[in-house]
C-alpha atoms as a PDB file:
ATOM      1  CA  MET A   1       0.000   0.000   0.000  1.00  0.00           C
ATOM      2  CA  THR A   2       2.835   2.398   0.894  1.00  0.00           C
ATOM      3  CA  LYS A   3       4.465   1.722  -2.460  1.00  0.00           C
ATOM      4  CA  ILE A   4       1.199   2.479  -4.281  1.00  0.00           C
ATOM      5  CA  LEU A   5       0.840   5.768  -2.400  1.00  0.00           C
ATOM      6  CA  LYS A   6       4.378   6.771  -3.358  1.00  0.00           C
ATOM      7  CA  ILE A   7       3.691   6.031  -7.031  1.00  0.00           C
ATOM      8  CA  PHE A   8       0.447   8.059  -6.891  1.00  0.00           C
ATOM      9  CA  THR A   9       2.286  10.958  -5.258  1.00  0.00           C
ATOM     10  CA  VAL A  10       4.885  11.020  -8.063  1.00  0.00           C
ATOM     11  CA  ILE A  11       2.215  10.835 -10.783  1.00  0.00           C
ATOM     12  CA  SER A  12       0.206  13.613  -9.108  1.00  0.00           C
ATOM     13  CA  ALA A  13       3.289  15.841  -8.965  1.00  0.00           C
ATOM     14  CA  VAL A  14       3.815  15.401 -12.720  1.00  0.00           C
ATOM     15  CA  VAL A  15       0.171  15.799 -13.775  1.00  0.00           C
ATOM     16  CA  PHE A  16      -0.849  18.636 -11.485  1.00  0.00           C
ATOM     17  CA  SER A  17       2.354  20.660 -11.304  1.00  0.00           C
ATOM     18  CA  ALA A  18       2.140  24.241 -12.586  1.00  0.00           C
ATOM     19  CA  PRO A  19       2.846  24.613 -16.315  1.00  0.00           C
ATOM     20  CA  ALA A  20       6.260  25.979 -17.298  1.00  0.00           C
ATOM     21  CA  GLY A  21       6.093  29.726 -16.884  1.00  0.00           C
ATOM     22  CA  ALA A  22       3.084  29.696 -14.567  1.00  0.00           C
ATOM     23  CA  ALA A  23       3.369  31.567 -11.314  1.00  0.00           C
ATOM     24  CA  ALA A  24       3.054  29.898  -7.933  1.00  0.00           C
ATOM     25  CA  GLY A  25      -0.275  28.146  -7.453  1.00  0.00           C
ATOM     26  CA  GLY A  26      -0.573  27.200 -11.122  1.00  0.00           C
ATOM     27  CA  GLN A  27      -1.624  30.702 -12.185  1.00  0.00           C
ATOM     28  CA  TYR A  28      -0.021  32.670 -14.977  1.00  0.00           C
ATOM     29  CA  PRO A  29       1.185  36.129 -13.932  1.00  0.00           C
ATOM     30  CA  ARG A  30      -1.633  38.612 -13.393  1.00  0.00           C
ATOM     31  CA  ARG A  31       0.455  41.539 -12.173  1.00  0.00           C
ATOM     32  CA  ILE A  32       3.427  42.313 -14.416  1.00  0.00           C
ATOM     33  CA  VAL A  33       6.249  44.835 -14.213  1.00  0.00           C
ATOM     34  CA  SER A  34       8.251  45.320 -17.411  1.00  0.00           C
ATOM     35  CA  LEU A  35      11.652  47.014 -17.509  1.00  0.00           C
ATOM     36  CA  VAL A  36      11.962  46.284 -21.237  1.00  0.00           C
ATOM     37  CA  PRO A  37      10.048  48.576 -23.652  1.00  0.00           C
ATOM     38  CA  VAL A  38       9.716  45.975 -26.409  1.00  0.00           C
ATOM     39  CA  ILE A  39       8.402  43.380 -23.946  1.00  0.00           C
ATOM     40  CA  THR A  40       5.873  45.947 -22.743  1.00  0.00           C
ATOM     41  CA  GLU A  41       4.762  46.395 -26.349  1.00  0.00           C
ATOM     42  CA  GLU A  42       4.623  42.636 -26.884  1.00  0.00           C
ATOM     43  CA  LEU A  43       2.515  42.117 -23.750  1.00  0.00           C
ATOM     44  CA  PHE A  44      -0.024  44.619 -25.074  1.00  0.00           C
ATOM     45  CA  LEU A  45       0.096  42.801 -28.413  1.00  0.00           C
ATOM     46  CA  LEU A  46      -0.798  39.600 -26.576  1.00  0.00           C
ATOM     47  CA  GLY A  47      -3.779  41.303 -24.959  1.00  0.00           C
ATOM     48  CA  LEU A  48      -2.225  41.663 -21.505  1.00  0.00           C
ATOM     49  CA  GLY A  49      -2.215  45.430 -21.170  1.00  0.00           C
ATOM     50  CA  ASP A  50      -4.490  45.291 -18.133  1.00  0.00           C
ATOM     51  CA  SER A  51      -2.015  42.992 -16.365  1.00  0.00           C
ATOM     52  CA  ILE A  52       0.858  45.471 -16.603  1.00  0.00           C
ATOM     53  CA  VAL A  53       1.206  47.430 -13.353  1.00  0.00           C
ATOM     54  CA  GLY A  54       4.644  48.991 -13.839  1.00  0.00           C
ATOM     55  CA  VAL A  55       6.862  50.072 -16.743  1.00  0.00           C
ATOM     56  CA  THR A  56       9.936  52.177 -17.484  1.00  0.00           C
ATOM     57  CA  VAL A  57       9.915  55.831 -18.472  1.00  0.00           C
ATOM     58  CA  TYR A  58      10.829  54.654 -21.987  1.00  0.00           C
ATOM     59  CA  CYS A  59       7.797  52.409 -22.445  1.00  0.00           C
ATOM     60  CA  GLU A  60       5.771  54.543 -24.855  1.00  0.00           C
ATOM     61  CA  ARG A  61       4.293  52.008 -27.280  1.00  0.00           C
ATOM     62  CA  PRO A  62       1.403  51.596 -27.448  1.00  0.00           C
ATOM     63  CA  GLU A  63       0.248  54.959 -26.108  1.00  0.00           C
ATOM     64  CA  GLU A  64      -1.587  53.269 -23.239  1.00  0.00           C
ATOM     65  CA  ALA A  65       1.732  51.964 -21.895  1.00  0.00           C
ATOM     66  CA  GLY A  66       2.693  55.502 -20.996  1.00  0.00           C
ATOM     67  CA  ARG A  67      -0.165  55.633 -18.491  1.00  0.00           C
ATOM     68  CA  ARG A  68       1.221  52.812 -16.359  1.00  0.00           C
ATOM     69  CA  GLU A  69       3.130  53.381 -13.105  1.00  0.00           C
ATOM     70  CA  LYS A  70       6.761  54.319 -13.789  1.00  0.00           C
ATOM     71  CA  VAL A  71       9.337  52.256 -11.897  1.00  0.00           C
ATOM     72  CA  GLY A  72      12.594  53.520 -13.425  1.00  0.00           C
ATOM     73  CA  THR A  73      14.567  52.844 -16.583  1.00  0.00           C
ATOM     74  CA  VAL A  74      15.881  49.796 -18.397  1.00  0.00           C
ATOM     75  CA  THR A  75      19.134  49.955 -16.421  1.00  0.00           C
ATOM     76  CA  LYS A  76      17.997  51.270 -13.031  1.00  0.00           C
ATOM     77  CA  ALA A  77      14.737  50.514 -11.271  1.00  0.00           C
ATOM     78  CA  ASN A  78      13.056  51.719  -8.094  1.00  0.00           C
ATOM     79  CA  ILE A  79      12.891  48.432  -6.226  1.00  0.00           C
ATOM     80  CA  GLU A  80      10.775  49.828  -3.389  1.00  0.00           C
ATOM     81  CA  LYS A  81       8.142  50.907  -5.869  1.00  0.00           C
ATOM     82  CA  ILE A  82       8.282  47.543  -7.636  1.00  0.00           C
ATOM     83  CA  VAL A  83       7.779  45.734  -4.312  1.00  0.00           C
ATOM     84  CA  SER A  84       4.809  47.974  -3.519  1.00  0.00           C
ATOM     85  CA  LEU A  85       3.156  46.942  -6.804  1.00  0.00           C
ATOM     86  CA  LYS A  86       3.220  43.273  -5.697  1.00  0.00           C
ATOM     87  CA  PRO A  87       4.118  41.859  -9.126  1.00  0.00           C
ATOM     88  CA  ASP A  88       3.847  38.184  -9.985  1.00  0.00           C
ATOM     89  CA  ILE A  89       6.776  38.655 -12.361  1.00  0.00           C
ATOM     90  CA  VAL A  90       9.274  41.338 -13.405  1.00  0.00           C
ATOM     91  CA  PHE A  91      10.804  41.347 -16.876  1.00  0.00           C
ATOM     92  CA  THR A  92      14.370  42.672 -17.068  1.00  0.00           C
ATOM     93  CA  ALA A  93      17.073  42.787 -19.758  1.00  0.00           C
ATOM     94  CA  ASP A  94      20.795  42.228 -20.051  1.00  0.00           C
ATOM     95  CA  LEU A  95      21.211  46.002 -19.577  1.00  0.00           C
ATOM     96  CA  THR A  96      19.421  45.979 -16.221  1.00  0.00           C
ATOM     97  CA  ASP A  97      21.718  46.468 -13.215  1.00  0.00           C
ATOM     98  CA  ARG A  98      22.663  42.911 -12.219  1.00  0.00           C
ATOM     99  CA  GLN A  99      22.767  43.743  -8.508  1.00  0.00           C
ATOM    100  CA  GLN A 100      19.192  44.999  -8.699  1.00  0.00           C
ATOM    101  CA  VAL A 101      18.106  41.798 -10.440  1.00  0.00           C
ATOM    102  CA  LEU A 102      19.737  39.725  -7.693  1.00  0.00           C
ATOM    103  CA  LYS A 103      18.152  41.890  -5.008  1.00  0.00           C
ATOM    104  CA  MET A 104      14.673  41.410  -6.454  1.00  0.00           C
ATOM    105  CA  LYS A 105      15.217  37.671  -6.586  1.00  0.00           C
ATOM    106  CA  ALA A 106      16.454  37.702  -2.975  1.00  0.00           C
ATOM    107  CA  LEU A 107      13.216  39.488  -2.016  1.00  0.00           C
ATOM    108  CA  GLY A 108      11.272  36.587  -3.474  1.00  0.00           C
ATOM    109  CA  ILE A 109      10.183  38.384  -6.650  1.00  0.00           C
ATOM    110  CA  GLU A 110       9.926  36.231  -9.767  1.00  0.00           C
ATOM    111  CA  VAL A 111      12.297  37.756 -12.346  1.00  0.00           C
ATOM    112  CA  SER A 112      12.607  36.853 -16.021  1.00  0.00           C
ATOM    113  CA  ASP A 113      16.042  38.130 -17.057  1.00  0.00           C
ATOM    114  CA  SER A 114      16.696  36.296 -20.332  1.00  0.00           C
ATOM    115  CA  PHE A 115      15.998  39.213 -22.718  1.00  0.00           C
ATOM    116  CA  SER A 116      19.061  40.494 -24.584  1.00  0.00           C
ATOM    117  CA  TYR A 117      19.467  43.744 -26.506  1.00  0.00           C
ATOM    118  CA  LYS A 118      22.049  42.164 -28.778  1.00  0.00           C
ATOM    119  CA  ASN A 119      21.121  42.356 -32.425  1.00  0.00           C
ATOM    120  CA  LYS A 120      18.594  39.703 -33.398  1.00  0.00           C
ATOM    121  CA  ASN A 121      17.297  38.348 -36.665  1.00  0.00           C
ATOM    122  CA  PHE A 122      13.642  37.772 -37.470  1.00  0.00           C
ATOM    123  CA  GLY A 123      13.778  34.140 -36.384  1.00  0.00           C
ATOM    124  CA  GLN A 124      15.170  35.038 -32.962  1.00  0.00           C
ATOM    125  CA  ILE A 125      12.576  37.757 -32.480  1.00  0.00           C
ATOM    126  CA  CYS A 126       9.789  35.252 -33.168  1.00  0.00           C
ATOM    127  CA  GLU A 127      11.392  32.607 -30.953  1.00  0.00           C
ATOM    128  CA  ASN A 128      11.647  35.033 -28.027  1.00  0.00           C
ATOM    129  CA  PHE A 129       8.084  36.210 -28.587  1.00  0.00           C
ATOM    130  CA  LEU A 130       6.780  32.647 -28.485  1.00  0.00           C
ATOM    131  CA  GLU A 131       8.679  32.015 -25.240  1.00  0.00           C
ATOM    132  CA  LEU A 132       7.085  35.135 -23.778  1.00  0.00           C
ATOM    133  CA  GLY A 133       3.679  33.855 -24.869  1.00  0.00           C
ATOM    134  CA  LYS A 134       4.297  30.561 -23.086  1.00  0.00           C
ATOM    135  CA  LEU A 135       5.436  32.338 -19.936  1.00  0.00           C
ATOM    136  CA  VAL A 136       2.277  34.450 -19.678  1.00  0.00           C
ATOM    137  CA  GLY A 137      -0.234  31.870 -20.880  1.00  0.00           C
ATOM    138  CA  ARG A 138      -0.711  33.278 -24.390  1.00  0.00           C
ATOM    139  CA  GLU A 139       1.180  30.736 -26.493  1.00  0.00           C
ATOM    140  CA  LYS A 140      -1.576  30.331 -29.103  1.00  0.00           C
ATOM    141  CA  GLU A 141      -1.961  34.079 -29.544  1.00  0.00           C
ATOM    142  CA  ALA A 142       1.809  34.427 -29.946  1.00  0.00           C
ATOM    143  CA  ALA A 143       1.928  31.591 -32.485  1.00  0.00           C
ATOM    144  CA  ASP A 144      -0.897  33.191 -34.506  1.00  0.00           C
ATOM    145  CA  ILE A 145       0.896  36.561 -34.587  1.00  0.00           C
ATOM    146  CA  ILE A 146       4.138  34.877 -35.680  1.00  0.00           C
ATOM    147  CA  SER A 147       2.332  32.927 -38.412  1.00  0.00           C
ATOM    148  CA  SER A 148       0.814  36.145 -39.759  1.00  0.00           C
ATOM    149  CA  ALA A 149       4.194  37.906 -39.669  1.00  0.00           C
ATOM    150  CA  GLU A 150       5.913  35.033 -41.492  1.00  0.00           C
ATOM    151  CA  ARG A 151       3.250  35.087 -44.206  1.00  0.00           C
ATOM    152  CA  LYS A 152       3.684  38.843 -44.716  1.00  0.00           C
ATOM    153  CA  LEU A 153       7.472  38.485 -44.730  1.00  0.00           C
ATOM    154  CA  ASN A 154       7.273  35.945 -47.540  1.00  0.00           C
ATOM    155  CA  GLU A 155       4.915  38.229 -49.471  1.00  0.00           C
ATOM    156  CA  VAL A 156       7.405  41.097 -49.263  1.00  0.00           C
ATOM    157  CA  LYS A 157      10.296  38.855 -50.331  1.00  0.00           C
ATOM    158  CA  LYS A 158       8.301  37.570 -53.298  1.00  0.00           C
ATOM    159  CA  LYS A 159       7.338  41.067 -54.473  1.00  0.00           C
ATOM    160  CA  THR A 160      10.887  42.420 -54.195  1.00  0.00           C
ATOM    161  CA  GLU A 161      12.813  39.478 -55.650  1.00  0.00           C
ATOM    162  CA  GLY A 162      14.578  39.897 -58.972  1.00  0.00           C
ATOM    163  CA  PRO A 163      17.753  41.374 -60.442  1.00  0.00           C
ATOM    164  CA  ASP A 164      16.905  44.969 -59.458  1.00  0.00           C
ATOM    165  CA  ARG A 165      18.474  45.089 -55.997  1.00  0.00           C
ATOM    166  CA  PRO A 166      19.489  48.654 -55.088  1.00  0.00           C
ATOM    167  CA  GLY A 167      22.638  49.230 -53.050  1.00  0.00           C
ATOM    168  CA  VAL A 168      21.900  50.565 -49.567  1.00  0.00           C
ATOM    169  CA  ILE A 169      23.816  52.305 -46.802  1.00  0.00           C
ATOM    170  CA  VAL A 170      22.097  52.365 -43.408  1.00  0.00           C
ATOM    171  CA  GLN A 171      23.571  55.031 -41.144  1.00  0.00           C
ATOM    172  CA  ILE A 172      23.318  54.369 -37.401  1.00  0.00           C
ATOM    173  CA  GLY A 173      25.880  56.801 -35.925  1.00  0.00           C
ATOM    174  CA  ALA A 174      27.516  60.064 -36.973  1.00  0.00           C
ATOM    175  CA  ARG A 175      30.654  60.805 -34.941  1.00  0.00           C
ATOM    176  CA  PRO A 176      32.291  58.612 -35.998  1.00  0.00           C
ATOM    177  CA  LEU A 177      30.218  57.471 -38.924  1.00  0.00           C
ATOM    178  CA  TRP A 178      28.713  54.064 -38.172  1.00  0.00           C
ATOM    179  CA  VAL A 179      26.691  52.022 -40.658  1.00  0.00           C
ATOM    180  CA  ALA A 180      24.894  48.685 -40.605  1.00  0.00           C
ATOM    181  CA  SER A 181      27.434  45.905 -41.142  1.00  0.00           C
ATOM    182  CA  GLY A 182      26.924  42.550 -42.812  1.00  0.00           C
ATOM    183  CA  SER A 183      26.251  40.811 -39.487  1.00  0.00           C
ATOM    184  CA  SER A 184      23.894  43.465 -38.150  1.00  0.00           C
ATOM    185  CA  PHE A 185      20.192  43.270 -37.477  1.00  0.00           C
ATOM    186  CA  MET A 186      19.552  45.821 -40.251  1.00  0.00           C
ATOM    187  CA  ASN A 187      21.314  43.674 -42.838  1.00  0.00           C
ATOM    188  CA  GLY A 188      18.488  41.146 -42.728  1.00  0.00           C
ATOM    189  CA  LEU A 189      15.866  43.842 -43.182  1.00  0.00           C
ATOM    190  CA  VAL A 190      17.659  45.277 -46.224  1.00  0.00           C
ATOM    191  CA  GLU A 191      18.024  41.841 -47.828  1.00  0.00           C
ATOM    192  CA  PHE A 192      14.415  40.833 -47.125  1.00  0.00           C
ATOM    193  CA  ALA A 193      13.342  44.159 -48.682  1.00  0.00           C
ATOM    194  CA  GLY A 194      15.149  43.326 -51.910  1.00  0.00           C
ATOM    195  CA  GLY A 195      18.290  45.393 -51.447  1.00  0.00           C
ATOM    196  CA  VAL A 196      22.032  44.910 -51.019  1.00  0.00           C
ATOM    197  CA  ASN A 197      23.652  46.221 -47.867  1.00  0.00           C
ATOM    198  CA  LEU A 198      26.868  48.001 -48.898  1.00  0.00           C
ATOM    199  CA  GLY A 199      28.148  48.258 -45.325  1.00  0.00           C
ATOM    200  CA  PRO A 200      31.296  46.407 -44.215  1.00  0.00           C
ATOM    201  CA  GLU A 201      31.350  42.679 -43.575  1.00  0.00           C
ATOM    202  CA  GLY A 202      31.658  41.415 -40.023  1.00  0.00           C
ATOM    203  CA  GLU A 203      30.506  43.114 -36.843  1.00  0.00           C
ATOM    204  CA  SER A 204      32.141  46.537 -36.993  1.00  0.00           C
ATOM    205  CA  GLY A 205      30.152  49.283 -38.679  1.00  0.00           C
ATOM    206  CA  SER A 206      32.958  51.841 -38.614  1.00  0.00           C
ATOM    207  CA  TYR A 207      33.011  53.609 -41.983  1.00  0.00           C
ATOM    208  CA  SER A 208      33.932  56.862 -43.728  1.00  0.00           C
ATOM    209  CA  ARG A 209      31.959  59.227 -45.901  1.00  0.00           C
ATOM    210  CA  GLU A 210      34.656  58.857 -48.553  1.00  0.00           C
ATOM    211  CA  LYS A 211      33.965  55.129 -48.662  1.00  0.00           C
ATOM    212  CA  VAL A 212      30.239  55.825 -49.024  1.00  0.00           C
ATOM    213  CA  VAL A 213      31.011  58.110 -51.977  1.00  0.00           C
ATOM    214  CA  GLU A 214      33.046  55.282 -53.485  1.00  0.00           C
ATOM    215  CA  ASP A 215      30.219  52.772 -52.881  1.00  0.00           C
ATOM    216  CA  ASP A 216      27.735  55.159 -54.515  1.00  0.00           C
ATOM    217  CA  PRO A 217      24.583  53.751 -52.850  1.00  0.00           C
ATOM    218  CA  ASP A 218      21.208  54.014 -54.548  1.00  0.00           C
ATOM    219  CA  VAL A 219      19.543  54.555 -51.166  1.00  0.00           C
ATOM    220  CA  ILE A 220      20.701  55.980 -47.827  1.00  0.00           C
ATOM    221  CA  ILE A 221      18.632  55.236 -44.725  1.00  0.00           C
ATOM    222  CA  ILE A 222      19.356  57.250 -41.586  1.00  0.00           C
ATOM    223  CA  VAL A 223      18.303  55.577 -38.340  1.00  0.00           C
ATOM    224  CA  THR A 224      17.948  58.251 -35.650  1.00  0.00           C
ATOM    225  CA  MET A 225      19.885  56.472 -32.918  1.00  0.00           C
ATOM    226  CA  GLY A 226      21.036  59.486 -30.905  1.00  0.00           C
ATOM    227  CA  ILE A 227      21.482  61.591 -34.031  1.00  0.00           C
ATOM    228  CA  SER A 228      19.365  64.168 -35.811  1.00  0.00           C
ATOM    229  CA  GLY A 229      18.022  62.677 -39.001  1.00  0.00           C
ATOM    230  CA  GLU A 230      17.443  66.002 -40.700  1.00  0.00           C
ATOM    231  CA  ASP A 231      20.926  67.272 -39.797  1.00  0.00           C
ATOM    232  CA  GLU A 232      22.540  64.142 -41.198  1.00  0.00           C
ATOM    233  CA  LYS A 233      20.423  64.347 -44.320  1.00  0.00           C
ATOM    234  CA  SER A 234      21.720  67.885 -44.867  1.00  0.00           C
ATOM    235  CA  VAL A 235      25.279  66.602 -44.535  1.00  0.00           C
ATOM    236  CA  TRP A 236      24.729  63.892 -47.134  1.00  0.00           C
ATOM    237  CA  GLU A 237      23.127  66.347 -49.554  1.00  0.00           C
ATOM    238  CA  LYS A 238      26.545  68.017 -49.929  1.00  0.00           C
ATOM    239  CA  TYR A 239      27.847  64.821 -51.554  1.00  0.00           C
ATOM    240  CA  ASP A 240      25.980  65.358 -54.795  1.00  0.00           C
ATOM    241  CA  THR A 241      27.853  62.691 -56.764  1.00  0.00           C
ATOM    242  CA  ILE A 242      26.142  59.906 -54.785  1.00  0.00           C
ATOM    243  CA  GLY A 243      23.194  58.347 -56.602  1.00  0.00           C
ATOM    244  CA  ALA A 244      20.987  58.428 -53.498  1.00  0.00           C
ATOM    245  CA  VAL A 245      21.599  62.166 -53.187  1.00  0.00           C
ATOM    246  CA  LYS A 246      21.102  62.961 -56.874  1.00  0.00           C
ATOM    247  CA  ASN A 247      17.814  61.060 -56.939  1.00  0.00           C
ATOM    248  CA  GLY A 248      16.441  62.270 -53.611  1.00  0.00           C
ATOM    249  CA  ARG A 249      16.521  58.824 -52.016  1.00  0.00           C
ATOM    250  CA  ILE A 250      17.650  59.634 -48.479  1.00  0.00           C
ATOM    251  CA  TYR A 251      15.193  58.402 -45.863  1.00  0.00           C
ATOM    252  CA  ILE A 252      14.916  58.808 -42.103  1.00  0.00           C
ATOM    253  CA  MET A 253      13.628  56.124 -39.722  1.00  0.00           C
ATOM    254  CA  ASP A 254      12.931  56.214 -35.986  1.00  0.00           C
ATOM    255  CA  SER A 255      15.377  53.995 -34.081  1.00  0.00           C
ATOM    256  CA  ASP A 256      12.757  52.982 -31.496  1.00  0.00           C
ATOM    257  CA  ARG A 257      10.683  51.312 -34.200  1.00  0.00           C
ATOM    258  CA  VAL A 258      13.610  49.862 -36.118  1.00  0.00           C
ATOM    259  CA  CYS A 259      15.897  48.495 -33.432  1.00  0.00           C
ATOM    260  CA  SER A 260      13.521  46.837 -30.947  1.00  0.00           C
ATOM    261  CA  PRO A 261      10.669  45.379 -32.969  1.00  0.00           C
ATOM    262  CA  THR A 262       7.957  42.889 -32.142  1.00  0.00           C
ATOM    263  CA  PRO A 263       7.198  40.305 -34.872  1.00  0.00           C
ATOM    264  CA  GLU A 264       4.376  42.597 -35.996  1.00  0.00           C
ATOM    265  CA  SER A 265       6.327  45.861 -36.039  1.00  0.00           C
ATOM    266  CA  TYR A 266       9.265  44.094 -37.752  1.00  0.00           C
ATOM    267  CA  ILE A 267       6.987  43.572 -40.750  1.00  0.00           C
ATOM    268  CA  GLU A 268       5.844  47.207 -40.642  1.00  0.00           C
ATOM    269  CA  VAL A 269       9.485  48.342 -40.742  1.00  0.00           C
ATOM    270  CA  LEU A 270      10.282  45.830 -43.491  1.00  0.00           C
ATOM    271  CA  GLU A 271       7.408  47.074 -45.639  1.00  0.00           C
ATOM    272  CA  GLU A 272       8.559  50.667 -45.154  1.00  0.00           C
ATOM    273  CA  ILE A 273      12.117  49.811 -46.219  1.00  0.00           C
ATOM    274  CA  ALA A 274      10.814  47.802 -49.189  1.00  0.00           C
ATOM    275  CA  GLY A 275       8.861  50.900 -50.209  1.00  0.00           C
ATOM    276  CA  PHE A 276      12.065  52.970 -50.108  1.00  0.00           C
ATOM    277  CA  LEU A 277      13.929  50.436 -52.237  1.00  0.00           C
ATOM    278  CA  HIS A 278      11.144  49.537 -54.648  1.00  0.00           C
ATOM    279  CA  PRO A 279       8.723  52.490 -54.760  1.00  0.00           C
ATOM    280  CA  GLY A 280       6.758  50.943 -57.626  1.00  0.00           C
ATOM    281  CA  ILE A 281       5.505  47.889 -55.774  1.00  0.00           C
ATOM    282  CA  LYS A 282       2.287  47.625 -53.790  1.00  0.00           C
ATOM    283  CA  LEU A 283       2.557  46.026 -50.349  1.00  0.00           C
END
């Protein structure tokens, strides 16, 4: 009889244990603090806006996110305020102060600290989004969003395929000049949009304006990562031998949208870039 009870206990532990990602008691998190703007946006995308009780001062998408309680920044959080919000889980990033992450864990707060700001490709973005969906009990919704994004991605690739692949320089920094390299996140977007990234191979994006003149790109995209897009556009317009300058094909994009996308906003950015590169197509 004792042996039977032991077997039943083991089976019960397997069958009735909380699902992976569920909070204590078998419940998925109902009170969420997010120190990662893109995760905040993804939680709203999954229909969990009402579960978010705290965000950073940089969480501005969607607009409703800005009305949540502010608990600090990506790197530094107000732990006392977080504790007062009684979260079931706190999402942090690799940029979040590690000592603060450890302190929250020591206080018994569930912390998800696997998010990385390192450049990601579309596949990694979707993989991380699906993991988030599992963690908060919205796996099906996440899978549906990913499926829709993959379908739209393939549509863009199909419409932009062919021999006409304009050369592109994507500017990310100004002093010194920094452009999207061959291993960068932006490289994938340019290729999916039917273009050729003329930036350097490898990880370093260090470049010179003289080299850009030599490359003679058909399109220049300025990503406003700490730089003024209009100011940089004015600088490029002085180099009137470049095809992109002669043909008025210098475009400015907001770094917040470009550099930290959800699967859904990735497609929006891709379609915008495809429109820059192939203005005649309908997306």
